[in-house]
N, C-alpha and C. Protein backbone atom coordinates (compact mmCIF):
# COMPACT_ATOMS: atom_id res chain seq x y z
N MET A 1 0.82 -1.19 0.00
CA MET A 1 0.00 0.00 0.00
C MET A 1 0.86 1.26 0.00
N GLN A 2 2.04 1.18 0.58
CA GLN A 2 2.91 2.36 0.65
C GLN A 2 3.51 2.71 -0.70
N ILE A 3 3.51 1.79 -1.64
CA ILE A 3 4.03 2.08 -2.97
C ILE A 3 3.16 3.14 -3.65
N LEU A 4 1.92 3.27 -3.21
CA LEU A 4 1.03 4.28 -3.76
C LEU A 4 1.60 5.68 -3.56
N LEU A 5 2.32 5.88 -2.47
CA LEU A 5 2.97 7.17 -2.24
C LEU A 5 4.00 7.45 -3.33
N GLY A 6 4.79 6.46 -3.68
CA GLY A 6 5.77 6.61 -4.74
C GLY A 6 5.13 6.83 -6.10
N LEU A 7 4.04 6.12 -6.36
CA LEU A 7 3.35 6.28 -7.64
C LEU A 7 2.77 7.68 -7.79
N ILE A 8 2.15 8.18 -6.75
CA ILE A 8 1.59 9.53 -6.81
C ILE A 8 2.70 10.55 -6.97
N LEU A 9 3.77 10.38 -6.25
CA LEU A 9 4.90 11.31 -6.35
C LEU A 9 5.48 11.30 -7.76
N GLY A 10 5.66 10.15 -8.34
CA GLY A 10 6.18 10.06 -9.70
C GLY A 10 5.24 10.66 -10.72
N ALA A 11 3.94 10.45 -10.55
CA ALA A 11 2.96 11.02 -11.48
C ALA A 11 2.93 12.54 -11.38
N VAL A 12 3.05 13.07 -10.20
CA VAL A 12 3.06 14.53 -10.03
C VAL A 12 4.31 15.13 -10.66
N ILE A 13 5.44 14.48 -10.49
CA ILE A 13 6.68 14.96 -11.12
C ILE A 13 6.54 14.90 -12.64
N GLY A 14 5.96 13.84 -13.15
CA GLY A 14 5.74 13.72 -14.59
C GLY A 14 4.78 14.77 -15.12
N LEU A 15 3.74 15.07 -14.37
CA LEU A 15 2.79 16.10 -14.77
C LEU A 15 3.45 17.47 -14.79
N ALA A 16 4.27 17.73 -13.79
CA ALA A 16 4.99 19.01 -13.76
C ALA A 16 5.95 19.11 -14.95
N ALA A 17 6.60 18.02 -15.29
CA ALA A 17 7.51 18.02 -16.44
C ALA A 17 6.75 18.23 -17.74
N HIS A 18 5.57 17.66 -17.84
CA HIS A 18 4.77 17.82 -19.06
C HIS A 18 4.46 19.29 -19.32
N PHE A 19 4.11 20.00 -18.28
CA PHE A 19 3.76 21.41 -18.45
C PHE A 19 4.98 22.34 -18.45
N THR A 20 6.11 21.86 -18.00
CA THR A 20 7.33 22.67 -17.96
C THR A 20 8.09 22.61 -19.29
N LEU A 21 8.19 21.43 -19.87
CA LEU A 21 9.00 21.25 -21.07
C LEU A 21 8.23 21.70 -22.32
N PRO A 22 8.96 22.15 -23.34
CA PRO A 22 8.29 22.60 -24.57
C PRO A 22 7.75 21.44 -25.40
N HIS A 23 6.99 21.77 -26.41
CA HIS A 23 6.42 20.83 -27.39
C HIS A 23 5.44 19.86 -26.76
N ARG A 24 4.65 20.34 -25.81
CA ARG A 24 3.69 19.43 -25.20
C ARG A 24 2.56 19.06 -26.14
N GLU A 25 2.40 19.82 -27.23
CA GLU A 25 1.33 19.53 -28.18
C GLU A 25 1.62 18.29 -29.03
N VAL A 26 2.85 17.81 -29.04
CA VAL A 26 3.19 16.65 -29.86
C VAL A 26 3.24 15.35 -29.06
N ARG A 27 2.94 15.42 -27.78
CA ARG A 27 2.91 14.20 -26.97
C ARG A 27 1.61 14.18 -26.16
N GLY A 28 1.21 13.04 -25.77
CA GLY A 28 -0.02 12.89 -25.01
C GLY A 28 0.13 13.43 -23.60
N ALA A 29 -0.99 13.84 -23.04
CA ALA A 29 -0.97 14.40 -21.69
C ALA A 29 -0.69 13.35 -20.62
N ALA A 30 -0.92 12.11 -20.94
CA ALA A 30 -0.72 11.04 -19.95
C ALA A 30 0.67 10.42 -20.01
N LEU A 31 1.44 10.74 -21.04
CA LEU A 31 2.74 10.09 -21.22
C LEU A 31 3.70 10.40 -20.07
N ALA A 32 3.87 11.66 -19.75
CA ALA A 32 4.82 12.05 -18.71
C ALA A 32 4.41 11.55 -17.32
N PRO A 33 3.13 11.70 -16.90
CA PRO A 33 2.77 11.15 -15.60
C PRO A 33 2.92 9.64 -15.51
N LEU A 34 2.62 8.94 -16.59
CA LEU A 34 2.78 7.48 -16.57
C LEU A 34 4.25 7.08 -16.52
N ALA A 35 5.09 7.79 -17.25
CA ALA A 35 6.53 7.49 -17.21
C ALA A 35 7.10 7.78 -15.83
N GLY A 36 6.69 8.88 -15.23
CA GLY A 36 7.15 9.20 -13.89
C GLY A 36 6.68 8.19 -12.85
N ALA A 37 5.43 7.78 -12.96
CA ALA A 37 4.89 6.79 -12.02
C ALA A 37 5.58 5.44 -12.21
N ALA A 38 5.86 5.07 -13.44
CA ALA A 38 6.55 3.80 -13.69
C ALA A 38 7.96 3.82 -13.12
N ALA A 39 8.67 4.92 -13.33
CA ALA A 39 10.03 5.02 -12.79
C ALA A 39 10.01 4.98 -11.26
N ALA A 40 9.06 5.68 -10.66
CA ALA A 40 8.96 5.68 -9.20
C ALA A 40 8.59 4.30 -8.67
N ALA A 41 7.73 3.60 -9.38
CA ALA A 41 7.32 2.26 -8.94
C ALA A 41 8.49 1.28 -8.97
N VAL A 42 9.28 1.36 -10.02
CA VAL A 42 10.44 0.45 -10.13
C VAL A 42 11.44 0.73 -9.02
N VAL A 43 11.74 2.00 -8.80
CA VAL A 43 12.72 2.37 -7.79
C VAL A 43 12.19 2.06 -6.38
N TRP A 44 10.94 2.40 -6.13
CA TRP A 44 10.35 2.15 -4.81
C TRP A 44 10.35 0.66 -4.51
N THR A 45 9.96 -0.15 -5.49
CA THR A 45 9.93 -1.60 -5.29
C THR A 45 11.33 -2.15 -5.04
N ALA A 46 12.29 -1.70 -5.82
CA ALA A 46 13.66 -2.19 -5.65
C ALA A 46 14.21 -1.83 -4.27
N LEU A 47 13.97 -0.61 -3.86
CA LEU A 47 14.52 -0.19 -2.57
C LEU A 47 13.81 -0.85 -1.39
N THR A 48 12.51 -1.09 -1.50
CA THR A 48 11.84 -1.79 -0.41
C THR A 48 12.27 -3.25 -0.35
N TRP A 49 12.55 -3.85 -1.51
CA TRP A 49 13.07 -5.22 -1.50
C TRP A 49 14.47 -5.27 -0.89
N MET A 50 15.21 -4.17 -0.98
CA MET A 50 16.54 -4.11 -0.37
C MET A 50 16.47 -3.83 1.12
N GLY A 51 15.27 -3.59 1.64
CA GLY A 51 15.10 -3.43 3.07
C GLY A 51 14.88 -2.02 3.55
N PHE A 52 14.79 -1.06 2.66
CA PHE A 52 14.53 0.32 3.08
C PHE A 52 13.06 0.47 3.38
N GLY A 53 12.77 1.16 4.47
CA GLY A 53 11.38 1.40 4.85
C GLY A 53 10.97 2.82 4.52
N VAL A 54 9.73 3.14 4.82
CA VAL A 54 9.19 4.47 4.53
C VAL A 54 9.92 5.54 5.35
N ASP A 55 10.50 5.15 6.45
CA ASP A 55 11.21 6.11 7.30
C ASP A 55 12.64 6.39 6.82
N ALA A 56 13.08 5.72 5.76
CA ALA A 56 14.44 5.91 5.24
C ALA A 56 14.47 7.09 4.27
N PRO A 57 15.32 8.08 4.54
CA PRO A 57 15.39 9.24 3.64
C PRO A 57 15.87 8.89 2.24
N VAL A 58 16.69 7.86 2.11
CA VAL A 58 17.20 7.49 0.78
C VAL A 58 16.06 7.02 -0.11
N LEU A 59 15.07 6.38 0.44
CA LEU A 59 13.92 5.94 -0.34
C LEU A 59 13.19 7.14 -0.93
N TRP A 60 12.98 8.16 -0.15
CA TRP A 60 12.27 9.35 -0.62
C TRP A 60 13.12 10.14 -1.61
N LEU A 61 14.41 10.22 -1.36
CA LEU A 61 15.29 10.96 -2.26
C LEU A 61 15.34 10.30 -3.64
N VAL A 62 15.50 9.01 -3.66
CA VAL A 62 15.56 8.29 -4.94
C VAL A 62 14.18 8.26 -5.60
N ALA A 63 13.11 8.22 -4.81
CA ALA A 63 11.76 8.23 -5.37
C ALA A 63 11.43 9.57 -6.02
N VAL A 64 12.15 10.61 -5.68
CA VAL A 64 11.97 11.91 -6.34
C VAL A 64 12.93 12.06 -7.51
N LEU A 65 14.17 11.65 -7.34
CA LEU A 65 15.19 11.85 -8.37
C LEU A 65 15.01 10.92 -9.58
N ALA A 66 14.61 9.69 -9.36
CA ALA A 66 14.48 8.75 -10.48
C ALA A 66 13.38 9.16 -11.46
N PRO A 67 12.18 9.50 -11.01
CA PRO A 67 11.18 9.95 -11.98
C PRO A 67 11.57 11.26 -12.66
N ALA A 68 12.20 12.17 -11.91
CA ALA A 68 12.62 13.44 -12.50
C ALA A 68 13.65 13.20 -13.59
N ALA A 69 14.63 12.37 -13.31
CA ALA A 69 15.66 12.08 -14.31
C ALA A 69 15.07 11.36 -15.52
N THR A 70 14.18 10.42 -15.27
CA THR A 70 13.56 9.67 -16.35
C THR A 70 12.72 10.57 -17.25
N VAL A 71 11.86 11.35 -16.65
CA VAL A 71 10.92 12.16 -17.42
C VAL A 71 11.63 13.30 -18.14
N PHE A 72 12.55 13.97 -17.45
CA PHE A 72 13.23 15.09 -18.08
C PHE A 72 14.24 14.63 -19.14
N ALA A 73 14.61 13.38 -19.16
CA ALA A 73 15.44 12.84 -20.24
C ALA A 73 14.59 12.26 -21.37
N LEU A 74 13.47 11.64 -21.02
CA LEU A 74 12.64 10.96 -22.01
C LEU A 74 11.82 11.92 -22.87
N LEU A 75 11.20 12.91 -22.26
CA LEU A 75 10.30 13.78 -22.99
C LEU A 75 10.96 14.58 -24.11
N PRO A 76 12.12 15.19 -23.89
CA PRO A 76 12.76 15.88 -25.02
C PRO A 76 13.13 14.94 -26.17
N LEU A 77 13.57 13.74 -25.84
CA LEU A 77 13.91 12.77 -26.89
C LEU A 77 12.68 12.38 -27.70
N LEU A 78 11.59 12.09 -27.02
CA LEU A 78 10.38 11.71 -27.72
C LEU A 78 9.79 12.86 -28.52
N SER A 79 9.85 14.06 -27.97
CA SER A 79 9.33 15.23 -28.69
C SER A 79 10.15 15.51 -29.93
N ARG A 80 11.47 15.42 -29.81
CA ARG A 80 12.35 15.64 -30.96
C ARG A 80 12.12 14.58 -32.03
N ALA A 81 11.96 13.34 -31.64
CA ALA A 81 11.70 12.28 -32.60
C ALA A 81 10.36 12.49 -33.30
N ARG A 82 9.36 12.89 -32.55
CA ARG A 82 8.04 13.12 -33.15
C ARG A 82 8.08 14.29 -34.13
N LEU A 83 8.75 15.37 -33.76
CA LEU A 83 8.84 16.52 -34.65
C LEU A 83 9.59 16.18 -35.93
N SER A 84 10.67 15.44 -35.84
CA SER A 84 11.42 15.08 -37.05
C SER A 84 10.64 14.10 -37.92
N ARG A 85 9.92 13.18 -37.29
CA ARG A 85 9.11 12.24 -38.07
C ARG A 85 7.95 12.96 -38.76
N ASP A 86 7.34 13.91 -38.07
CA ASP A 86 6.27 14.69 -38.69
C ASP A 86 6.80 15.52 -39.86
N ALA A 87 7.97 16.11 -39.71
CA ALA A 87 8.56 16.89 -40.80
C ALA A 87 8.89 15.99 -41.99
N ALA A 88 9.39 14.79 -41.73
CA ALA A 88 9.69 13.86 -42.81
C ALA A 88 8.41 13.42 -43.52
N ASP A 89 7.35 13.19 -42.76
CA ASP A 89 6.08 12.81 -43.37
C ASP A 89 5.49 13.95 -44.20
N ARG A 90 5.61 15.17 -43.71
CA ARG A 90 5.13 16.33 -44.48
C ARG A 90 5.91 16.47 -45.79
N ALA A 91 7.21 16.28 -45.72
CA ALA A 91 8.03 16.39 -46.93
C ALA A 91 7.70 15.27 -47.92
N ARG A 92 7.49 14.08 -47.38
CA ARG A 92 7.17 12.94 -48.25
C ARG A 92 5.82 13.13 -48.92
N LEU A 93 4.87 13.70 -48.20
CA LEU A 93 3.52 13.91 -48.76
C LEU A 93 3.39 15.20 -49.55
N GLY A 94 4.40 16.04 -49.48
CA GLY A 94 4.38 17.29 -50.21
C GLY A 94 3.45 18.32 -49.61
N LEU A 95 3.33 18.32 -48.31
CA LEU A 95 2.46 19.28 -47.63
C LEU A 95 3.20 20.52 -47.20
């Protein structure tokens, strides 16, 4: 049940990244929160399996840093790929 805290935290970080980073019109609104929640879930699960509890500061620190690093690295890459693919499709179609 405590993993829900990590999931919510990751989704909020992903949502903040979605509205902070440019080119949000070329990606779905759910992509960043889902990526953040997935990263937080993986890290939270791994750290709890290693024996860290909710009272461990390292769990909270990594649960914030992992989704932030994941989302802020993933979204620009996906946006850039989408923009270049759209430009190539426009050129191919002569639009």
